[in-house]
Amino acid sequence: MTGIVRAPDGRVLLLRHRLWPAAGQWGFPSGFARRGETFPETVVREVREETGLTVRVGRLLELRSGFRYRVEAYYEAALVGGADGLVLDDREVLEARLFPLDALPAGMPPLHRELARRRGG
């Protein structure tokens, strides 16, 4: 599950993931759902575990089939209360920052870049 987390000013929250390949470490908060957990609950939990921040999950933006039985779901999420409480899980995350859409970092998966720029209702 992945959360496309936006601040009220439109910037997106990106993490530099420790466990992702070096050439593509920047991306949205993401992780695996636990048994019995809804997908939105997974997004809320993963963002909190990886960054200490709180989000409100919105609509499903993208659903893709993955390897074997894996499903990848990408949800809109709004940052609640700002980024002042940022505390990184240094086992998984090297860095976290809010980026304006016109200054996204290199080393982002193409789908994450596309979803960052996707807007609408």
PDB file of N, CA and C in Angstrom:
ATOM      1  N   MET A   1       0.834  -1.169   0.000  1.00  0.00           N
ATOM      2  CA  MET A   1       0.000   0.000   0.000  1.00  0.00           C
ATOM      3  C   MET A   1       0.881   1.235   0.000  1.00  0.00           C
ATOM      4  N   THR A   2       0.477   2.226  -0.736  1.00  0.00           N
ATOM      5  CA  THR A   2       1.248   3.455  -0.853  1.00  0.00           C
ATOM      6  C   THR A   2       0.327   4.651  -0.643  1.00  0.00           C
ATOM      7  N   GLY A   3       0.831   5.645   0.092  1.00  0.00           N
ATOM      8  CA  GLY A   3       0.095   6.882   0.307  1.00  0.00           C
ATOM      9  C   GLY A   3       0.751   8.028  -0.428  1.00  0.00           C
ATOM     10  N   ILE A   4      -0.007   8.679  -1.316  1.00  0.00           N
ATOM     11  CA  ILE A   4       0.469   9.881  -1.989  1.00  0.00           C
ATOM     12  C   ILE A   4       0.084  11.025  -1.059  1.00  0.00           C
ATOM     13  N   VAL A   5       1.011  11.376  -0.176  1.00  0.00           N
ATOM     14  CA  VAL A   5       0.748  12.302   0.925  1.00  0.00           C
ATOM     15  C   VAL A   5       1.016  13.734   0.477  1.00  0.00           C
ATOM     16  N   ARG A   6      -0.007  14.571   0.621  1.00  0.00           N
ATOM     17  CA  ARG A   6       0.106  15.986   0.253  1.00  0.00           C
ATOM     18  C   ARG A   6      -0.102  16.868   1.476  1.00  0.00           C
ATOM     19  N   ALA A   7       0.719  17.903   1.545  1.00  0.00           N
ATOM     20  CA  ALA A   7       0.535  18.951   2.543  1.00  0.00           C
ATOM     21  C   ALA A   7      -0.538  19.911   2.012  1.00  0.00           C
ATOM     22  N   PRO A   8      -1.123  20.740   2.877  1.00  0.00           N
ATOM     23  CA  PRO A   8      -2.149  21.688   2.417  1.00  0.00           C
ATOM     24  C   PRO A   8      -1.675  22.605   1.289  1.00  0.00           C
ATOM     25  N   ASP A   9      -0.379  22.906   1.231  1.00  0.00           N
ATOM     26  CA  ASP A   9       0.141  23.790   0.180  1.00  0.00           C
ATOM     27  C   ASP A   9       0.447  23.059  -1.130  1.00  0.00           C
ATOM     28  N   GLY A  10       0.143  21.759  -1.205  1.00  0.00           N
ATOM     29  CA  GLY A  10       0.331  21.003  -2.441  1.00  0.00           C
ATOM     30  C   GLY A  10       1.640  20.237  -2.533  1.00  0.00           C
ATOM     31  N   ARG A  11       2.585  20.516  -1.624  1.00  0.00           N
ATOM     32  CA  ARG A  11       3.828  19.744  -1.650  1.00  0.00           C
ATOM     33  C   ARG A  11       3.537  18.290  -1.294  1.00  0.00           C
ATOM     34  N   VAL A  12       4.397  17.387  -1.773  1.00  0.00           N
ATOM     35  CA  VAL A  12       4.224  15.962  -1.498  1.00  0.00           C
ATOM     36  C   VAL A  12       5.329  15.479  -0.564  1.00  0.00           C
ATOM     37  N   LEU A  13       4.958  14.540   0.309  1.00  0.00           N
ATOM     38  CA  LEU A  13       5.902  13.938   1.240  1.00  0.00           C
ATOM     39  C   LEU A  13       6.590  12.768   0.552  1.00  0.00           C
ATOM     40  N   LEU A  14       7.914  12.865   0.437  1.00  0.00           N
ATOM     41  CA  LEU A  14       8.699  11.777  -0.144  1.00  0.00           C
ATOM     42  C   LEU A  14       9.732  11.311   0.858  1.00  0.00           C
ATOM     43  N   LEU A  15       9.971  10.013   0.830  1.00  0.00           N
ATOM     44  CA  LEU A  15      10.967   9.396   1.702  1.00  0.00           C
ATOM     45  C   LEU A  15      12.108   8.860   0.853  1.00  0.00           C
ATOM     46  N   ARG A  16      13.305   8.928   1.394  1.00  0.00           N
ATOM     47  CA  ARG A  16      14.436   8.248   0.759  1.00  0.00           C
ATOM     48  C   ARG A  16      14.573   6.926   1.497  1.00  0.00           C
ATOM     49  N   HIS A  17      14.142   5.863   0.836  1.00  0.00           N
ATOM     50  CA  HIS A  17      14.022   4.538   1.443  1.00  0.00           C
ATOM     51  C   HIS A  17      15.368   3.820   1.494  1.00  0.00           C
ATOM     52  N   ARG A  18      15.746   3.366   2.657  1.00  0.00           N
ATOM     53  CA  ARG A  18      17.007   2.657   2.863  1.00  0.00           C
ATOM     54  C   ARG A  18      17.061   1.354   2.070  1.00  0.00           C
ATOM     55  N   LEU A  19      15.951   0.642   1.962  1.00  0.00           N
ATOM     56  CA  LEU A  19      15.941  -0.694   1.373  1.00  0.00           C
ATOM     57  C   LEU A  19      15.637  -0.712  -0.123  1.00  0.00           C
ATOM     58  N   TRP A  20      15.443   0.440  -0.719  1.00  0.00           N
ATOM     59  CA  TRP A  20      15.196   0.517  -2.160  1.00  0.00           C
ATOM     60  C   TRP A  20      16.530   0.631  -2.885  1.00  0.00           C
ATOM     61  N   PRO A  21      16.579   0.273  -4.178  1.00  0.00           N
ATOM     62  CA  PRO A  21      17.840   0.394  -4.937  1.00  0.00           C
ATOM     63  C   PRO A  21      18.376   1.827  -4.912  1.00  0.00           C
ATOM     64  N   ALA A  22      19.684   1.968  -4.838  1.00  0.00           N
ATOM     65  CA  ALA A  22      20.332   3.278  -4.676  1.00  0.00           C
ATOM     66  C   ALA A  22      19.911   4.289  -5.742  1.00  0.00           C
ATOM     67  N   ALA A  23      19.683   3.856  -6.966  1.00  0.00           N
ATOM     68  CA  ALA A  23      19.337   4.777  -8.047  1.00  0.00           C
ATOM     69  C   ALA A  23      17.879   5.236  -7.991  1.00  0.00           C
ATOM     70  N   GLY A  24      17.078   4.645  -7.125  1.00  0.00           N
ATOM     71  CA  GLY A  24      15.666   4.999  -7.058  1.00  0.00           C
ATOM     72  C   GLY A  24      15.126   4.938  -5.653  1.00  0.00           C
ATOM     73  N   GLN A  25      15.754   5.652  -4.740  1.00  0.00           N
ATOM     74  CA  GLN A  25      15.369   5.570  -3.328  1.00  0.00           C
ATOM     75  C   GLN A  25      14.238   6.501  -2.920  1.00  0.00           C
ATOM     76  N   TRP A  26      13.964   7.550  -3.686  1.00  0.00           N
ATOM     77  CA  TRP A  26      12.926   8.500  -3.300  1.00  0.00           C
ATOM     78  C   TRP A  26      11.556   7.997  -3.734  1.00  0.00           C
ATOM     79  N   GLY A  27      10.606   8.004  -2.817  1.00  0.00           N
ATOM     80  CA  GLY A  27       9.246   7.607  -3.149  1.00  0.00           C
ATOM     81  C   GLY A  27       8.308   7.872  -1.985  1.00  0.00           C
ATOM     82  N   PHE A  28       7.071   7.533  -2.194  1.00  0.00           N
ATOM     83  CA  PHE A  28       6.045   7.750  -1.183  1.00  0.00           C
ATOM     84  C   PHE A  28       6.142   6.718  -0.069  1.00  0.00           C
ATOM     85  N   PRO A  29       5.580   7.029   1.095  1.00  0.00           N
ATOM     86  CA  PRO A  29       5.504   6.039   2.169  1.00  0.00           C
ATOM     87  C   PRO A  29       4.707   4.823   1.688  1.00  0.00           C
ATOM     88  N   SER A  30       5.197   3.642   2.021  1.00  0.00           N
ATOM     89  CA  SER A  30       4.520   2.433   1.561  1.00  0.00           C
ATOM     90  C   SER A  30       4.889   1.251   2.444  1.00  0.00           C
ATOM     91  N   GLY A  31       4.087   0.214   2.342  1.00  0.00           N
ATOM     92  CA  GLY A  31       4.360  -0.999   3.099  1.00  0.00           C
ATOM     93  C   GLY A  31       3.276  -2.021   2.883  1.00  0.00           C
ATOM     94  N   PHE A  32       3.455  -3.168   3.502  1.00  0.00           N
ATOM     95  CA  PHE A  32       2.536  -4.279   3.350  1.00  0.00           C
ATOM     96  C   PHE A  32       1.390  -4.199   4.355  1.00  0.00           C
ATOM     97  N   ALA A  33       0.196  -4.602   3.897  1.00  0.00           N
ATOM     98  CA  ALA A  33      -0.967  -4.665   4.778  1.00  0.00           C
ATOM     99  C   ALA A  33      -0.826  -5.857   5.722  1.00  0.00           C
ATOM    100  N   ARG A  34      -1.324  -5.679   6.924  1.00  0.00           N
ATOM    101  CA  ARG A  34      -1.389  -6.779   7.891  1.00  0.00           C
ATOM    102  C   ARG A  34      -2.730  -7.484   7.732  1.00  0.00           C
ATOM    103  N   ARG A  35      -2.770  -8.730   8.127  1.00  0.00           N
ATOM    104  CA  ARG A  35      -4.012  -9.498   8.063  1.00  0.00           C
ATOM    105  C   ARG A  35      -5.107  -8.760   8.831  1.00  0.00           C
ATOM    106  N   GLY A  36      -6.271  -8.607   8.197  1.00  0.00           N
ATOM    107  CA  GLY A  36      -7.416  -7.976   8.833  1.00  0.00           C
ATOM    108  C   GLY A  36      -7.432  -6.457   8.747  1.00  0.00           C
ATOM    109  N   GLU A  37      -6.400  -5.878   8.185  1.00  0.00           N
ATOM    110  CA  GLU A  37      -6.284  -4.426   8.094  1.00  0.00           C
ATOM    111  C   GLU A  37      -6.866  -3.963   6.754  1.00  0.00           C
ATOM    112  N   THR A  38      -7.628  -2.866   6.757  1.00  0.00           N
ATOM    113  CA  THR A  38      -8.082  -2.301   5.481  1.00  0.00           C
ATOM    114  C   THR A  38      -6.902  -1.596   4.822  1.00  0.00           C
ATOM    115  N   PHE A  39      -6.993  -1.383   3.539  1.00  0.00           N
ATOM    116  CA  PHE A  39      -5.897  -0.712   2.841  1.00  0.00           C
ATOM    117  C   PHE A  39      -5.680   0.714   3.353  1.00  0.00           C
ATOM    118  N   PRO A  40      -6.754   1.511   3.559  1.00  0.00           N
ATOM    119  CA  PRO A  40      -6.525   2.839   4.141  1.00  0.00           C
ATOM    120  C   PRO A  40      -5.869   2.775   5.522  1.00  0.00           C
ATOM    121  N   GLU A  41      -6.252   1.804   6.343  1.00  0.00           N
ATOM    122  CA  GLU A  41      -5.612   1.650   7.651  1.00  0.00           C
ATOM    123  C   GLU A  41      -4.119   1.372   7.500  1.00  0.00           C
ATOM    124  N   THR A  42      -3.770   0.597   6.486  1.00  0.00           N
ATOM    125  CA  THR A  42      -2.350   0.316   6.226  1.00  0.00           C
ATOM    126  C   THR A  42      -1.594   1.593   5.896  1.00  0.00           C
ATOM    127  N   VAL A  43      -2.180   2.435   5.060  1.00  0.00           N
ATOM    128  CA  VAL A  43      -1.513   3.693   4.694  1.00  0.00           C
ATOM    129  C   VAL A  43      -1.283   4.543   5.940  1.00  0.00           C
ATOM    130  N   VAL A  44      -2.303   4.695   6.783  1.00  0.00           N
ATOM    131  CA  VAL A  44      -2.171   5.492   8.009  1.00  0.00           C
ATOM    132  C   VAL A  44      -1.062   4.918   8.896  1.00  0.00           C
ATOM    133  N   ARG A  45      -1.071   3.608   9.088  1.00  0.00           N
ATOM    134  CA  ARG A  45      -0.076   2.964   9.954  1.00  0.00           C
ATOM    135  C   ARG A  45       1.336   3.104   9.385  1.00  0.00           C
ATOM    136  N   GLU A  46       1.496   2.858   8.095  1.00  0.00           N
ATOM    137  CA  GLU A  46       2.822   2.922   7.495  1.00  0.00           C
ATOM    138  C   GLU A  46       3.409   4.335   7.561  1.00  0.00           C
ATOM    139  N   VAL A  47       2.591   5.341   7.274  1.00  0.00           N
ATOM    140  CA  VAL A  47       3.079   6.722   7.367  1.00  0.00           C
ATOM    141  C   VAL A  47       3.503   7.018   8.804  1.00  0.00           C
ATOM    142  N   ARG A  48       2.682   6.613   9.765  1.00  0.00           N
ATOM    143  CA  ARG A  48       3.020   6.866  11.172  1.00  0.00           C
ATOM    144  C   ARG A  48       4.301   6.116  11.563  1.00  0.00           C
ATOM    145  N   GLU A  49       4.429   4.844  11.185  1.00  0.00           N
ATOM    146  CA  GLU A  49       5.612   4.063  11.544  1.00  0.00           C
ATOM    147  C   GLU A  49       6.883   4.623  10.910  1.00  0.00           C
ATOM    148  N   GLU A  50       6.791   5.045   9.654  1.00  0.00           N
ATOM    149  CA  GLU A  50       7.980   5.492   8.935  1.00  0.00           C
ATOM    150  C   GLU A  50       8.363   6.932   9.245  1.00  0.00           C
ATOM    151  N   THR A  51       7.367   7.776   9.617  1.00  0.00           N
ATOM    152  CA  THR A  51       7.654   9.206   9.771  1.00  0.00           C
ATOM    153  C   THR A  51       7.143   9.820  11.071  1.00  0.00           C
ATOM    154  N   GLY A  52       6.261   9.141  11.787  1.00  0.00           N
ATOM    155  CA  GLY A  52       5.643   9.714  12.973  1.00  0.00           C
ATOM    156  C   GLY A  52       4.520  10.696  12.658  1.00  0.00           C
ATOM    157  N   LEU A  53       4.204  10.871  11.383  1.00  0.00           N
ATOM    158  CA  LEU A  53       3.197  11.847  10.968  1.00  0.00           C
ATOM    159  C   LEU A  53       1.822  11.209  10.844  1.00  0.00           C
ATOM    160  N   THR A  54       0.798  12.065  10.854  1.00  0.00           N
ATOM    161  CA  THR A  54      -0.587  11.626  10.756  1.00  0.00           C
ATOM    162  C   THR A  54      -1.162  12.052   9.413  1.00  0.00           C
ATOM    163  N   VAL A  55      -1.897  11.128   8.790  1.00  0.00           N
ATOM    164  CA  VAL A  55      -2.556  11.429   7.518  1.00  0.00           C
ATOM    165  C   VAL A  55      -4.010  11.013   7.569  1.00  0.00           C
ATOM    166  N   ARG A  56      -4.784  11.641   6.704  1.00  0.00           N
ATOM    167  CA  ARG A  56      -6.179  11.267   6.465  1.00  0.00           C
ATOM    168  C   ARG A  56      -6.213  10.713   5.040  1.00  0.00           C
ATOM    169  N   VAL A  57      -6.659   9.479   4.896  1.00  0.00           N
ATOM    170  CA  VAL A  57      -6.632   8.807   3.596  1.00  0.00           C
ATOM    171  C   VAL A  57      -7.863   9.176   2.787  1.00  0.00           C
ATOM    172  N   GLY A  58      -7.632   9.451   1.514  1.00  0.00           N
ATOM    173  CA  GLY A  58      -8.691   9.802   0.585  1.00  0.00           C
ATOM    174  C   GLY A  58      -8.968   8.687  -0.403  1.00  0.00           C
ATOM    175  N   ARG A  59      -9.173   9.063  -1.634  1.00  0.00           N
ATOM    176  CA  ARG A  59      -9.607   8.099  -2.647  1.00  0.00           C
ATOM    177  C   ARG A  59      -8.459   7.251  -3.184  1.00  0.00           C
ATOM    178  N   LEU A  60      -8.828   6.113  -3.724  1.00  0.00           N
ATOM    179  CA  LEU A  60      -7.902   5.220  -4.402  1.00  0.00           C
ATOM    180  C   LEU A  60      -7.540   5.848  -5.745  1.00  0.00           C
ATOM    181  N   LEU A  61      -6.239   6.013  -6.008  1.00  0.00           N
ATOM    182  CA  LEU A  61      -5.789   6.603  -7.271  1.00  0.00           C
ATOM    183  C   LEU A  61      -5.399   5.560  -8.307  1.00  0.00           C
ATOM    184  N   GLU A  62      -4.845   4.459  -7.850  1.00  0.00           N
ATOM    185  CA  GLU A  62      -4.307   3.463  -8.782  1.00  0.00           C
ATOM    186  C   GLU A  62      -4.316   2.107  -8.094  1.00  0.00           C
ATOM    187  N   LEU A  63      -4.663   1.077  -8.848  1.00  0.00           N
ATOM    188  CA  LEU A  63      -4.614  -0.296  -8.361  1.00  0.00           C
ATOM    189  C   LEU A  63      -3.938  -1.120  -9.438  1.00  0.00           C
ATOM    190  N   ARG A  64      -2.893  -1.848  -9.051  1.00  0.00           N
ATOM    191  CA  ARG A  64      -2.121  -2.642 -10.006  1.00  0.00           C
ATOM    192  C   ARG A  64      -1.878  -4.033  -9.451  1.00  0.00           C
ATOM    193  N   SER A  65      -1.816  -4.982 -10.362  1.00  0.00           N
ATOM    194  CA  SER A  65      -1.432  -6.323  -9.926  1.00  0.00           C
ATOM    195  C   SER A  65       0.082  -6.379  -9.906  1.00  0.00           C
ATOM    196  N   GLY A  66       0.592  -7.114  -8.954  1.00  0.00           N
ATOM    197  CA  GLY A  66       2.037  -7.224  -8.809  1.00  0.00           C
ATOM    198  C   GLY A  66       2.500  -8.648  -8.982  1.00  0.00           C
ATOM    199  N   PHE A  67       3.640  -8.947  -8.454  1.00  0.00           N
ATOM    200  CA  PHE A  67       4.252 -10.264  -8.529  1.00  0.00           C
ATOM    201  C   PHE A  67       3.390 -11.279  -7.795  1.00  0.00           C
ATOM    202  N   ARG A  68       3.099 -12.404  -8.434  1.00  0.00           N
ATOM    203  CA  ARG A  68       2.262 -13.476  -7.882  1.00  0.00           C
ATOM    204  C   ARG A  68       0.918 -12.925  -7.425  1.00  0.00           C
ATOM    205  N   TYR A  69       0.633 -12.989  -6.128  1.00  0.00           N
ATOM    206  CA  TYR A  69      -0.670 -12.558  -5.627  1.00  0.00           C
ATOM    207  C   TYR A  69      -0.652 -11.148  -5.068  1.00  0.00           C
ATOM    208  N   ARG A  70       0.420 -10.437  -5.262  1.00  0.00           N
ATOM    209  CA  ARG A  70       0.558  -9.106  -4.697  1.00  0.00           C
ATOM    210  C   ARG A  70      -0.298  -8.098  -5.461  1.00  0.00           C
ATOM    211  N   VAL A  71      -0.900  -7.196  -4.706  1.00  0.00           N
ATOM    212  CA  VAL A  71      -1.657  -6.091  -5.281  1.00  0.00           C
ATOM    213  C   VAL A  71      -1.043  -4.808  -4.757  1.00  0.00           C
ATOM    214  N   GLU A  72      -0.874  -3.848  -5.641  1.00  0.00           N
ATOM    215  CA  GLU A  72      -0.351  -2.544  -5.239  1.00  0.00           C
ATOM    216  C   GLU A  72      -1.481  -1.535  -5.338  1.00  0.00           C
ATOM    217  N   ALA A  73      -1.774  -0.874  -4.216  1.00  0.00           N
ATOM    218  CA  ALA A  73      -2.829   0.132  -4.173  1.00  0.00           C
ATOM    219  C   ALA A  73      -2.208   1.463  -3.769  1.00  0.00           C
ATOM    220  N   TYR A  74      -2.600   2.519  -4.474  1.00  0.00           N
ATOM    221  CA  TYR A  74      -2.062   3.863  -4.253  1.00  0.00           C
ATOM    222  C   TYR A  74      -3.216   4.784  -3.886  1.00  0.00           C
ATOM    223  N   TYR A  75      -3.160   5.333  -2.681  1.00  0.00           N
ATOM    224  CA  TYR A  75      -4.224   6.180  -2.152  1.00  0.00           C
ATOM    225  C   TYR A  75      -3.745   7.611  -1.969  1.00  0.00           C
ATOM    226  N   GLU A  76      -4.669   8.553  -2.234  1.00  0.00           N
ATOM    227  CA  GLU A  76      -4.418   9.929  -1.832  1.00  0.00           C
ATOM    228  C   GLU A  76      -4.407   9.977  -0.315  1.00  0.00           C
ATOM    229  N   ALA A  77      -3.603  10.860   0.240  1.00  0.00           N
ATOM    230  CA  ALA A  77      -3.589  11.057   1.688  1.00  0.00           C
ATOM    231  C   ALA A  77      -3.221  12.502   1.973  1.00  0.00           C
ATOM    232  N   ALA A  78      -3.892  13.084   2.944  1.00  0.00           N
ATOM    233  CA  ALA A  78      -3.634  14.480   3.327  1.00  0.00           C
ATOM    234  C   ALA A  78      -2.886  14.504   4.650  1.00  0.00           C
ATOM    235  N   LEU A  79      -1.833  15.279   4.686  1.00  0.00           N
ATOM    236  CA  LEU A  79      -1.066  15.457   5.910  1.00  0.00           C
ATOM    237  C   LEU A  79      -1.925  16.232   6.904  1.00  0.00           C
ATOM    238  N   VAL A  80      -2.020  15.713   8.129  1.00  0.00           N
ATOM    239  CA  VAL A  80      -2.826  16.330   9.179  1.00  0.00           C
ATOM    240  C   VAL A  80      -1.878  16.872  10.239  1.00  0.00           C
ATOM    241  N   GLY A  81      -1.970  18.159  10.532  1.00  0.00           N
ATOM    242  CA  GLY A  81      -1.172  18.736  11.607  1.00  0.00           C
ATOM    243  C   GLY A  81       0.251  19.109  11.237  1.00  0.00           C
ATOM    244  N   GLY A  82       0.588  19.078   9.970  1.00  0.00           N
ATOM    245  CA  GLY A  82       1.909  19.506   9.531  1.00  0.00           C
ATOM    246  C   GLY A  82       2.991  18.463   9.737  1.00  0.00           C
ATOM    247  N   ALA A  83       4.220  18.855   9.415  1.00  0.00           N
ATOM    248  CA  ALA A  83       5.367  17.947   9.454  1.00  0.00           C
ATOM    249  C   ALA A  83       6.270  18.176  10.658  1.00  0.00           C
ATOM    250  N   ASP A  84       5.815  18.958  11.632  1.00  0.00           N
ATOM    251  CA  ASP A  84       6.648  19.248  12.799  1.00  0.00           C
ATOM    252  C   ASP A  84       6.979  18.016  13.622  1.00  0.00           C
ATOM    253  N   GLY A  85       6.107  17.012  13.606  1.00  0.00           N
ATOM    254  CA  GLY A  85       6.336  15.808  14.397  1.00  0.00           C
ATOM    255  C   GLY A  85       7.148  14.742  13.686  1.00  0.00           C
ATOM    256  N   LEU A  86       7.871  15.117  12.637  1.00  0.00           N
ATOM    257  CA  LEU A  86       8.621  14.153  11.831  1.00  0.00           C
ATOM    258  C   LEU A  86       9.671  13.424  12.668  1.00  0.00           C
ATOM    259  N   VAL A  87       9.526  12.095  12.731  1.00  0.00           N
ATOM    260  CA  VAL A  87      10.490  11.222  13.408  1.00  0.00           C
ATOM    261  C   VAL A  87      10.661  10.011  12.500  1.00  0.00           C
ATOM    262  N   LEU A  88      11.862   9.835  11.961  1.00  0.00           N
ATOM    263  CA  LEU A  88      12.087   8.773  10.977  1.00  0.00           C
ATOM    264  C   LEU A  88      12.385   7.432  11.625  1.00  0.00           C
ATOM    265  N   ASP A  89      11.879   6.374  11.002  1.00  0.00           N
ATOM    266  CA  ASP A  89      12.266   5.013  11.344  1.00  0.00           C
ATOM    267  C   ASP A  89      13.552   4.754  10.575  1.00  0.00           C
ATOM    268  N   ASP A  90      14.694   4.922  11.229  1.00  0.00           N
ATOM    269  CA  ASP A  90      15.974   4.864  10.519  1.00  0.00           C
ATOM    270  C   ASP A  90      16.345   3.462  10.042  1.00  0.00           C
ATOM    271  N   ARG A  91      15.556   2.460  10.383  1.00  0.00           N
ATOM    272  CA  ARG A  91      15.785   1.126   9.812  1.00  0.00           C
ATOM    273  C   ARG A  91      15.318   1.080   8.369  1.00  0.00           C
ATOM    274  N   GLU A  92      14.354   1.936   8.026  1.00  0.00           N
ATOM    275  CA  GLU A  92      13.768   1.911   6.689  1.00  0.00           C
ATOM    276  C   GLU A  92      13.940   3.205   5.912  1.00  0.00           C
ATOM    277  N   VAL A  93      14.070   4.329   6.626  1.00  0.00           N
ATOM    278  CA  VAL A  93      14.032   5.639   5.971  1.00  0.00           C
ATOM    279  C   VAL A  93      15.301   6.422   6.265  1.00  0.00           C
ATOM    280  N   LEU A  94      15.939   6.912   5.208  1.00  0.00           N
ATOM    281  CA  LEU A  94      17.155   7.721   5.345  1.00  0.00           C
ATOM    282  C   LEU A  94      16.845   9.206   5.501  1.00  0.00           C
ATOM    283  N   GLU A  95      15.760   9.636   4.866  1.00  0.00           N
ATOM    284  CA  GLU A  95      15.438  11.064   4.833  1.00  0.00           C
ATOM    285  C   GLU A  95      13.977  11.214   4.427  1.00  0.00           C
ATOM    286  N   ALA A  96      13.331  12.284   4.856  1.00  0.00           N
ATOM    287  CA  ALA A  96      11.963  12.601   4.456  1.00  0.00           C
ATOM    288  C   ALA A  96      11.859  14.105   4.281  1.00  0.00           C
ATOM    289  N   ARG A  97      11.205  14.506   3.194  1.00  0.00           N
ATOM    290  CA  ARG A  97      11.049  15.935   2.912  1.00  0.00           C
ATOM    291  C   ARG A  97       9.761  16.182   2.152  1.00  0.00           C
ATOM    292  N   LEU A  98       9.256  17.396   2.274  1.00  0.00           N
ATOM    293  CA  LEU A  98       8.140  17.843   1.453  1.00  0.00           C
ATOM    294  C   LEU A  98       8.710  18.516   0.211  1.00  0.00           C
ATOM    295  N   PHE A  99       8.242  18.092  -0.959  1.00  0.00           N
ATOM    296  CA  PHE A  99       8.743  18.624  -2.221  1.00  0.00           C
ATOM    297  C   PHE A  99       7.620  19.292  -3.003  1.00  0.00           C
ATOM    298  N   PRO A 100       7.907  20.472  -3.593  1.00  0.00           N
ATOM    299  CA  PRO A 100       6.947  21.038  -4.544  1.00  0.00           C
ATOM    300  C   PRO A 100       6.956  20.184  -5.813  1.00  0.00           C
ATOM    301  N   LEU A 101       5.840  20.166  -6.517  1.00  0.00           N
ATOM    302  CA  LEU A 101       5.726  19.328  -7.710  1.00  0.00           C
ATOM    303  C   LEU A 101       6.716  19.707  -8.802  1.00  0.00           C
ATOM    304  N   ASP A 102       7.162  20.942  -8.823  1.00  0.00           N
ATOM    305  CA  ASP A 102       8.123  21.362  -9.855  1.00  0.00           C
ATOM    306  C   ASP A 102       9.573  21.128  -9.432  1.00  0.00           C
ATOM    307  N   ALA A 103       9.789  20.470  -8.302  1.00  0.00           N
ATOM    308  CA  ALA A 103      11.153  20.214  -7.827  1.00  0.00           C
ATOM    309  C   ALA A 103      11.271  18.805  -7.228  1.00  0.00           C
ATOM    310  N   LEU A 104      10.630  17.836  -7.879  1.00  0.00           N
ATOM    311  CA  LEU A 104      10.719  16.453  -7.397  1.00  0.00           C
ATOM    312  C   LEU A 104      12.152  15.940  -7.581  1.00  0.00           C
ATOM    313  N   PRO A 105      12.625  15.107  -6.665  1.00  0.00           N
ATOM    314  CA  PRO A 105      14.014  14.646  -6.753  1.00  0.00           C
ATOM    315  C   PRO A 105      14.216  13.616  -7.854  1.00  0.00           C
ATOM    316  N   ALA A 106      15.456  13.531  -8.322  1.00  0.00           N
ATOM    317  CA  ALA A 106      15.824  12.445  -9.224  1.00  0.00           C
ATOM    318  C   ALA A 106      15.760  11.160  -8.404  1.00  0.00           C
ATOM    319  N   GLY A 107      15.704  10.041  -9.065  1.00  0.00           N
ATOM    320  CA  GLY A 107      15.709   8.779  -8.343  1.00  0.00           C
ATOM    321  C   GLY A 107      14.369   8.417  -7.756  1.00  0.00           C
ATOM    322  N   MET A 108      13.300   8.774  -8.474  1.00  0.00           N
ATOM    323  CA  MET A 108      11.934   8.435  -8.075  1.00  0.00           C
ATOM    324  C   MET A 108      11.382   7.431  -9.075  1.00  0.00           C
ATOM    325  N   PRO A 109      10.671   6.395  -8.633  1.00  0.00           N
ATOM    326  CA  PRO A 109      10.038   5.498  -9.603  1.00  0.00           C
ATOM    327  C   PRO A 109       9.100   6.300 -10.512  1.00  0.00           C
ATOM    328  N   PRO A 110       9.063   5.975 -11.807  1.00  0.00           N
ATOM    329  CA  PRO A 110       8.216   6.733 -12.739  1.00  0.00           C
ATOM    330  C   PRO A 110       6.752   6.809 -12.302  1.00  0.00           C
ATOM    331  N   LEU A 111       6.198   5.723 -11.767  1.00  0.00           N
ATOM    332  CA  LEU A 111       4.808   5.766 -11.340  1.00  0.00           C
ATOM    333  C   LEU A 111       4.618   6.737 -10.177  1.00  0.00           C
ATOM    334  N   HIS A 112       5.545   6.783  -9.236  1.00  0.00           N
ATOM    335  CA  HIS A 112       5.434   7.723  -8.121  1.00  0.00           C
ATOM    336  C   HIS A 112       5.475   9.162  -8.636  1.00  0.00           C
ATOM    337  N   ARG A 113       6.345   9.423  -9.606  1.00  0.00           N
ATOM    338  CA  ARG A 113       6.432  10.768 -10.200  1.00  0.00           C
ATOM    339  C   ARG A 113       5.104  11.132 -10.863  1.00  0.00           C
ATOM    340  N   GLU A 114       4.543  10.183 -11.614  1.00  0.00           N
ATOM    341  CA  GLU A 114       3.259  10.418 -12.287  1.00  0.00           C
ATOM    342  C   GLU A 114       2.149  10.675 -11.267  1.00  0.00           C
ATOM    343  N   LEU A 115       2.091   9.869 -10.210  1.00  0.00           N
ATOM    344  CA  LEU A 115       1.043  10.028  -9.210  1.00  0.00           C
ATOM    345  C   LEU A 115       1.190  11.322  -8.413  1.00  0.00           C
ATOM    346  N   ALA A 116       2.406  11.768  -8.208  1.00  0.00           N
ATOM    347  CA  ALA A 116       2.626  13.044  -7.525  1.00  0.00           C
ATOM    348  C   ALA A 116       1.987  14.174  -8.303  1.00  0.00           C
ATOM    349  N   ARG A 117       2.055  14.086  -9.613  1.00  0.00           N
ATOM    350  CA  ARG A 117       1.550  15.167 -10.469  1.00  0.00           C
ATOM    351  C   ARG A 117       0.078  15.007 -10.818  1.00  0.00           C
ATOM    352  N   ARG A 118      -0.476  13.838 -10.537  1.00  0.00           N
ATOM    353  CA  ARG A 118      -1.889  13.589 -10.877  1.00  0.00           C
ATOM    354  C   ARG A 118      -2.777  14.330  -9.892  1.00  0.00           C
ATOM    355  N   ARG A 119      -3.690  15.097 -10.404  1.00  0.00           N
ATOM    356  CA  ARG A 119      -4.633  15.855  -9.575  1.00  0.00           C
ATOM    357  C   ARG A 119      -6.040  15.573 -10.079  1.00  0.00           C
ATOM    358  N   GLY A 120      -6.996  16.038  -9.332  1.00  0.00           N
ATOM    359  CA  GLY A 120      -8.373  15.927  -9.802  1.00  0.00           C
ATOM    360  C   GLY A 120      -9.277  15.307  -8.775  1.00  0.00           C
ATOM    361  N   GLY A 121     -10.520  15.220  -9.103  1.00  0.00           N
ATOM    362  CA  GLY A 121     -11.502  14.710  -8.180  1.00  0.00           C
ATOM    363  C   GLY A 121     -12.275  13.566  -8.744  1.00  0.00           C
TER     364      GLY A 121
END
